[in-house]
Amino acid sequence: MPAGALLTGNKIRTFTHDGADS
């Protein structure tokens, strides 16, 4: 998983889509 997912643990599910949480 991307490093960003660690900072957003809350949006980790959306980050699994390549960090696309928009």
Protein backbone atom coordinates (compact mmCIF):
# COMPACT_ATOMS: atom_id res chain seq x y z
CA MET A 1 0.00 0.00 0.00
CA PRO A 2 1.14 3.59 -0.69
CA ALA A 3 2.85 5.59 2.05
CA GLY A 4 -0.09 7.99 1.95
CA ALA A 5 -2.36 5.24 3.25
CA LEU A 6 -0.37 5.19 6.47
CA LEU A 7 -1.13 8.87 7.06
CA THR A 8 -4.80 8.52 6.17
CA GLY A 9 -5.42 5.12 7.79
CA ASN A 10 -9.01 6.41 7.63
CA LYS A 11 -9.02 6.39 3.82
CA ILE A 12 -6.82 3.33 3.44
CA ARG A 13 -9.61 1.62 1.52
CA THR A 14 -9.70 4.34 -1.11
CA PHE A 15 -5.92 4.47 -1.32
CA THR A 16 -5.86 0.83 -2.34
CA HIS A 17 -7.27 2.16 -5.62
CA ASP A 18 -3.91 3.80 -6.43
CA GLY A 19 -4.47 6.65 -4.00
CA ALA A 20 -7.62 7.84 -5.79
CA ASP A 21 -9.89 9.07 -3.03
CA SER A 22 -11.48 11.85 -5.11
